Amino acid sequence: NLGKDVDKKRDVYILKENSVTQMKIHFRVRYNIVRALKMVNNVYRLTFKVDKTEEMLGTFAPVNKVQIVETTREETPEGFFARGTYYGKVIFVDADGIVHMQYDYSFEIKEDWT
């Protein structure tokens, strides 16, 4: 779903409460050096922003292969009030303020995987 609008009613990731999550990002730099690429992740519940994470991914030179970056592991919250549906927006922006990619996603925290 990268680069597309997410149908928030169908494309929902299920996360078990108190589980560890991590993103693995595969990308290719084609022409120019990307300086100080960072990932900004905003998470909303209903219309309220509940989390904002910024993670520096690094500087990348153009190479003819796919580069892979893993984000820091995070733990999903637990408890009755943490359960529910969340919506997120991830933006990849460099030091020059150029947005290289952004996408929306949604996930649901449940007591079980089902």
N, C-alpha and C. Protein backbone atom coordinates (compact mmCIF):
# COMPACT_ATOMS: atom_id res chain seq x y z
N ASN A 1 0.80 -1.20 0.00
CA ASN A 1 0.00 0.00 0.00
C ASN A 1 0.85 1.27 0.00
N LEU A 2 2.11 1.14 -0.23
CA LEU A 2 2.97 2.32 -0.21
C LEU A 2 2.61 3.24 -1.37
N GLY A 3 2.46 4.52 -1.07
CA GLY A 3 2.18 5.49 -2.11
C GLY A 3 0.73 5.55 -2.53
N LYS A 4 -0.14 4.72 -1.97
CA LYS A 4 -1.56 4.72 -2.31
C LYS A 4 -2.37 5.12 -1.09
N ASP A 5 -3.58 5.57 -1.34
CA ASP A 5 -4.49 5.82 -0.22
C ASP A 5 -4.95 4.48 0.33
N VAL A 6 -4.99 4.36 1.62
CA VAL A 6 -5.41 3.13 2.26
C VAL A 6 -6.90 3.19 2.51
N ASP A 7 -7.60 2.12 2.14
CA ASP A 7 -9.00 2.01 2.48
C ASP A 7 -9.04 1.60 3.95
N LYS A 8 -9.33 2.54 4.83
CA LYS A 8 -9.19 2.33 6.26
C LYS A 8 -10.14 1.27 6.80
N LYS A 9 -11.14 0.88 6.05
CA LYS A 9 -12.06 -0.15 6.52
C LYS A 9 -11.56 -1.55 6.14
N ARG A 10 -10.72 -1.68 5.10
CA ARG A 10 -10.27 -3.00 4.65
C ARG A 10 -8.82 -3.28 5.01
N ASP A 11 -7.93 -2.34 4.81
CA ASP A 11 -6.50 -2.56 5.02
C ASP A 11 -6.11 -2.21 6.44
N VAL A 12 -6.42 -3.11 7.37
CA VAL A 12 -6.14 -2.88 8.78
C VAL A 12 -5.20 -3.98 9.27
N TYR A 13 -4.09 -3.57 9.85
CA TYR A 13 -3.17 -4.51 10.46
C TYR A 13 -3.66 -4.81 11.86
N ILE A 14 -3.59 -6.07 12.26
CA ILE A 14 -4.00 -6.47 13.61
C ILE A 14 -2.73 -6.64 14.44
N LEU A 15 -2.68 -5.94 15.57
CA LEU A 15 -1.56 -6.05 16.50
C LEU A 15 -2.09 -6.54 17.84
N LYS A 16 -1.38 -7.47 18.43
CA LYS A 16 -1.75 -7.95 19.75
C LYS A 16 -1.20 -6.97 20.78
N GLU A 17 -1.99 -6.67 21.81
CA GLU A 17 -1.51 -5.74 22.82
C GLU A 17 -0.27 -6.31 23.50
N ASN A 18 0.62 -5.41 23.90
CA ASN A 18 1.88 -5.74 24.55
C ASN A 18 2.80 -6.59 23.66
N SER A 19 2.71 -6.42 22.35
CA SER A 19 3.61 -7.12 21.43
C SER A 19 4.66 -6.13 20.89
N VAL A 20 5.73 -6.65 20.35
CA VAL A 20 6.82 -5.83 19.82
C VAL A 20 6.65 -5.70 18.31
N THR A 21 6.73 -4.47 17.81
CA THR A 21 6.62 -4.22 16.37
C THR A 21 7.86 -3.51 15.87
N GLN A 22 8.15 -3.71 14.59
CA GLN A 22 9.30 -3.07 13.96
C GLN A 22 9.04 -3.02 12.46
N MET A 23 9.45 -1.92 11.83
CA MET A 23 9.29 -1.81 10.38
C MET A 23 10.63 -2.05 9.71
N LYS A 24 10.58 -2.72 8.58
CA LYS A 24 11.74 -2.94 7.75
C LYS A 24 11.45 -2.25 6.42
N ILE A 25 12.29 -1.28 6.05
CA ILE A 25 12.03 -0.43 4.90
C ILE A 25 13.02 -0.78 3.79
N HIS A 26 12.50 -1.11 2.61
CA HIS A 26 13.31 -1.40 1.44
C HIS A 26 13.13 -0.24 0.46
N PHE A 27 14.22 0.34 -0.01
CA PHE A 27 14.12 1.46 -0.94
C PHE A 27 15.37 1.53 -1.81
N ARG A 28 15.28 2.35 -2.83
CA ARG A 28 16.40 2.53 -3.75
C ARG A 28 16.60 4.02 -3.98
N VAL A 29 17.85 4.47 -3.92
CA VAL A 29 18.20 5.85 -4.22
C VAL A 29 18.77 5.85 -5.62
N ARG A 30 18.20 6.69 -6.50
CA ARG A 30 18.55 6.60 -7.91
C ARG A 30 19.56 7.63 -8.40
N TYR A 31 19.36 8.92 -8.15
CA TYR A 31 20.18 9.93 -8.82
C TYR A 31 21.02 10.79 -7.88
N ASN A 32 20.45 11.32 -6.84
CA ASN A 32 21.15 12.25 -5.95
C ASN A 32 21.28 11.68 -4.55
N ILE A 33 22.28 12.15 -3.83
CA ILE A 33 22.46 11.73 -2.45
C ILE A 33 21.26 12.24 -1.63
N VAL A 34 20.76 11.40 -0.76
CA VAL A 34 19.68 11.78 0.16
C VAL A 34 20.33 11.99 1.52
N ARG A 35 20.36 13.26 1.95
CA ARG A 35 21.02 13.61 3.21
C ARG A 35 20.03 13.62 4.36
N ALA A 36 20.44 12.98 5.44
CA ALA A 36 19.68 13.00 6.70
C ALA A 36 18.21 12.65 6.50
N LEU A 37 17.98 11.50 5.91
CA LEU A 37 16.60 11.02 5.71
C LEU A 37 16.03 10.62 7.06
N LYS A 38 14.84 11.12 7.35
CA LYS A 38 14.18 10.73 8.60
C LYS A 38 12.75 10.31 8.31
N MET A 39 12.25 9.46 9.19
CA MET A 39 10.89 8.97 9.10
C MET A 39 10.10 9.63 10.23
N VAL A 40 8.99 10.27 9.87
CA VAL A 40 8.10 10.89 10.85
C VAL A 40 6.80 10.09 10.83
N ASN A 41 6.43 9.53 11.97
CA ASN A 41 5.24 8.69 12.07
C ASN A 41 4.27 9.33 13.05
N ASN A 42 3.11 9.75 12.56
CA ASN A 42 2.04 10.31 13.39
C ASN A 42 0.93 9.29 13.52
N VAL A 43 0.48 9.03 14.74
CA VAL A 43 -0.57 8.05 14.99
C VAL A 43 -1.76 8.76 15.64
N TYR A 44 -2.96 8.47 15.12
CA TYR A 44 -4.20 9.11 15.59
C TYR A 44 -5.18 8.05 16.05
N ARG A 45 -5.95 8.40 17.05
CA ARG A 45 -7.10 7.58 17.47
C ARG A 45 -8.29 8.51 17.40
N LEU A 46 -9.26 8.16 16.59
CA LEU A 46 -10.36 9.04 16.22
C LEU A 46 -9.75 10.26 15.54
N THR A 47 -9.85 11.44 16.11
CA THR A 47 -9.24 12.62 15.50
C THR A 47 -8.10 13.18 16.35
N PHE A 48 -7.71 12.46 17.41
CA PHE A 48 -6.69 12.95 18.33
C PHE A 48 -5.34 12.30 18.04
N LYS A 49 -4.30 13.12 17.98
CA LYS A 49 -2.95 12.59 17.80
C LYS A 49 -2.50 11.99 19.13
N VAL A 50 -2.16 10.70 19.11
CA VAL A 50 -1.77 10.01 20.33
C VAL A 50 -0.26 9.71 20.38
N ASP A 51 0.42 9.81 19.23
CA ASP A 51 1.85 9.52 19.22
C ASP A 51 2.50 10.17 18.01
N LYS A 52 3.71 10.64 18.21
CA LYS A 52 4.52 11.14 17.10
C LYS A 52 5.94 10.64 17.32
N THR A 53 6.47 9.93 16.33
CA THR A 53 7.81 9.38 16.41
C THR A 53 8.63 9.89 15.24
N GLU A 54 9.82 10.38 15.53
CA GLU A 54 10.75 10.77 14.47
C GLU A 54 11.99 9.91 14.62
N GLU A 55 12.41 9.28 13.53
CA GLU A 55 13.59 8.43 13.58
C GLU A 55 14.51 8.77 12.42
N MET A 56 15.76 9.06 12.73
CA MET A 56 16.75 9.36 11.71
C MET A 56 17.20 8.04 11.07
N LEU A 57 17.09 7.96 9.76
CA LEU A 57 17.47 6.74 9.05
C LEU A 57 18.89 6.81 8.50
N GLY A 58 19.38 8.02 8.18
CA GLY A 58 20.75 8.17 7.72
C GLY A 58 20.86 8.91 6.41
N THR A 59 22.07 8.93 5.85
CA THR A 59 22.36 9.53 4.56
C THR A 59 22.66 8.41 3.59
N PHE A 60 22.11 8.51 2.37
CA PHE A 60 22.22 7.41 1.42
C PHE A 60 22.68 7.92 0.06
N ALA A 61 23.68 7.24 -0.50
CA ALA A 61 24.18 7.58 -1.82
C ALA A 61 23.44 6.75 -2.86
N PRO A 62 23.39 7.25 -4.11
CA PRO A 62 22.75 6.45 -5.16
C PRO A 62 23.57 5.20 -5.47
N VAL A 63 22.93 4.06 -5.37
CA VAL A 63 23.56 2.79 -5.70
C VAL A 63 22.56 1.96 -6.49
N ASN A 64 23.07 0.98 -7.17
CA ASN A 64 22.22 0.17 -8.04
C ASN A 64 21.71 -1.08 -7.31
N LYS A 65 21.31 -0.92 -6.06
CA LYS A 65 20.76 -2.04 -5.31
C LYS A 65 19.76 -1.50 -4.29
N VAL A 66 18.93 -2.38 -3.80
CA VAL A 66 17.94 -2.01 -2.79
C VAL A 66 18.64 -1.89 -1.44
N GLN A 67 18.35 -0.81 -0.74
CA GLN A 67 18.90 -0.59 0.59
C GLN A 67 17.81 -0.91 1.62
N ILE A 68 18.23 -1.44 2.74
CA ILE A 68 17.28 -1.88 3.77
C ILE A 68 17.62 -1.21 5.09
N VAL A 69 16.60 -0.66 5.74
CA VAL A 69 16.77 -0.03 7.05
C VAL A 69 15.69 -0.60 7.97
N GLU A 70 16.07 -0.95 9.18
CA GLU A 70 15.11 -1.42 10.18
C GLU A 70 14.93 -0.32 11.23
N THR A 71 13.69 -0.08 11.60
CA THR A 71 13.41 0.94 12.61
C THR A 71 13.58 0.35 14.00
N THR A 72 13.54 1.20 14.98
CA THR A 72 13.64 0.79 16.37
C THR A 72 12.40 -0.02 16.76
N ARG A 73 12.60 -1.04 17.56
CA ARG A 73 11.47 -1.85 18.03
C ARG A 73 10.63 -1.04 19.01
N GLU A 74 9.31 -1.20 18.88
CA GLU A 74 8.38 -0.52 19.78
C GLU A 74 7.39 -1.53 20.32
N GLU A 75 6.92 -1.26 21.52
CA GLU A 75 5.95 -2.15 22.16
C GLU A 75 4.56 -1.53 22.07
N THR A 76 3.59 -2.33 21.66
CA THR A 76 2.22 -1.82 21.59
C THR A 76 1.67 -1.72 23.01
N PRO A 77 0.81 -0.73 23.26
CA PRO A 77 0.26 -0.58 24.61
C PRO A 77 -0.69 -1.73 24.95
N GLU A 78 -0.97 -1.88 26.20
CA GLU A 78 -1.87 -2.95 26.63
C GLU A 78 -2.96 -2.38 27.52
N GLY A 79 -4.02 -3.16 27.66
CA GLY A 79 -5.12 -2.77 28.54
C GLY A 79 -6.37 -2.42 27.76
N PHE A 80 -7.45 -2.34 28.47
CA PHE A 80 -8.76 -2.11 27.88
C PHE A 80 -8.81 -0.80 27.08
N PHE A 81 -8.23 0.26 27.62
CA PHE A 81 -8.32 1.57 26.97
C PHE A 81 -7.40 1.69 25.75
N ALA A 82 -6.40 0.83 25.65
CA ALA A 82 -5.49 0.88 24.49
C ALA A 82 -6.07 0.16 23.29
N ARG A 83 -7.00 -0.75 23.51
CA ARG A 83 -7.58 -1.52 22.40
C ARG A 83 -8.43 -0.62 21.52
N GLY A 84 -8.37 -0.90 20.21
CA GLY A 84 -9.18 -0.12 19.29
C GLY A 84 -8.43 0.13 17.99
N THR A 85 -9.02 0.95 17.14
CA THR A 85 -8.48 1.23 15.82
C THR A 85 -7.72 2.55 15.84
N TYR A 86 -6.55 2.53 15.20
CA TYR A 86 -5.69 3.70 15.10
C TYR A 86 -5.38 3.95 13.62
N TYR A 87 -5.10 5.19 13.29
CA TYR A 87 -4.73 5.58 11.93
C TYR A 87 -3.37 6.27 11.99
N GLY A 88 -2.53 5.99 11.01
CA GLY A 88 -1.20 6.58 11.02
C GLY A 88 -0.84 7.18 9.68
N LYS A 89 0.10 8.10 9.72
CA LYS A 89 0.65 8.71 8.52
C LYS A 89 2.16 8.74 8.69
N VAL A 90 2.87 8.13 7.74
CA VAL A 90 4.32 8.08 7.75
C VAL A 90 4.84 8.98 6.63
N ILE A 91 5.81 9.83 6.97
CA ILE A 91 6.41 10.74 6.00
C ILE A 91 7.92 10.53 6.04
N PHE A 92 8.54 10.36 4.87
CA PHE A 92 9.98 10.26 4.74
C PHE A 92 10.48 11.57 4.16
N VAL A 93 11.23 12.34 4.95
CA VAL A 93 11.67 13.67 4.56
C VAL A 93 13.18 13.78 4.80
N ASP A 94 13.88 14.52 3.92
CA ASP A 94 15.33 14.67 4.07
C ASP A 94 15.68 16.02 4.68
N ALA A 95 16.97 16.30 4.80
CA ALA A 95 17.45 17.53 5.44
C ALA A 95 17.05 18.78 4.67
N ASP A 96 16.80 18.65 3.36
CA ASP A 96 16.39 19.79 2.55
C ASP A 96 14.88 20.03 2.59
N GLY A 97 14.16 19.21 3.34
CA GLY A 97 12.71 19.35 3.45
C GLY A 97 11.95 18.69 2.32
N ILE A 98 12.62 17.89 1.51
CA ILE A 98 11.96 17.20 0.40
C ILE A 98 11.28 15.95 0.94
N VAL A 99 9.99 15.82 0.68
CA VAL A 99 9.24 14.63 1.07
C VAL A 99 9.41 13.59 -0.04
N HIS A 100 10.08 12.49 0.29
CA HIS A 100 10.35 11.46 -0.71
C HIS A 100 9.20 10.47 -0.83
N MET A 101 8.47 10.27 0.25
CA MET A 101 7.31 9.39 0.20
C MET A 101 6.49 9.61 1.46
N GLN A 102 5.19 9.40 1.32
CA GLN A 102 4.31 9.39 2.49
C GLN A 102 3.19 8.42 2.22
N TYR A 103 2.69 7.82 3.27
CA TYR A 103 1.56 6.91 3.12
C TYR A 103 0.76 6.85 4.41
N ASP A 104 -0.49 6.49 4.27
CA ASP A 104 -1.40 6.31 5.39
C ASP A 104 -1.57 4.82 5.66
N TYR A 105 -1.84 4.48 6.89
CA TYR A 105 -2.09 3.10 7.25
C TYR A 105 -3.03 3.08 8.45
N SER A 106 -3.55 1.91 8.76
CA SER A 106 -4.38 1.77 9.96
C SER A 106 -4.08 0.43 10.61
N PHE A 107 -4.26 0.39 11.92
CA PHE A 107 -4.05 -0.85 12.65
C PHE A 107 -5.02 -0.90 13.82
N GLU A 108 -5.23 -2.11 14.27
CA GLU A 108 -6.14 -2.32 15.40
C GLU A 108 -5.40 -3.10 16.47
N ILE A 109 -5.45 -2.62 17.69
CA ILE A 109 -4.87 -3.33 18.82
C ILE A 109 -5.96 -4.16 19.46
N LYS A 110 -5.67 -5.47 19.56
CA LYS A 110 -6.65 -6.40 20.12
C LYS A 110 -5.98 -7.20 21.25
N GLU A 111 -6.85 -7.85 22.03
CA GLU A 111 -6.36 -8.70 23.11
C GLU A 111 -5.70 -9.96 22.55
N ASP A 112 -6.19 -10.41 21.40
CA ASP A 112 -5.69 -11.61 20.73
C ASP A 112 -5.34 -11.27 19.29
N TRP A 113 -4.72 -12.21 18.57
CA TRP A 113 -4.37 -12.00 17.16
C TRP A 113 -5.60 -12.06 16.25
N THR A 114 -6.70 -12.59 16.71
CA THR A 114 -7.87 -12.75 15.84
C THR A 114 -8.83 -11.59 15.95
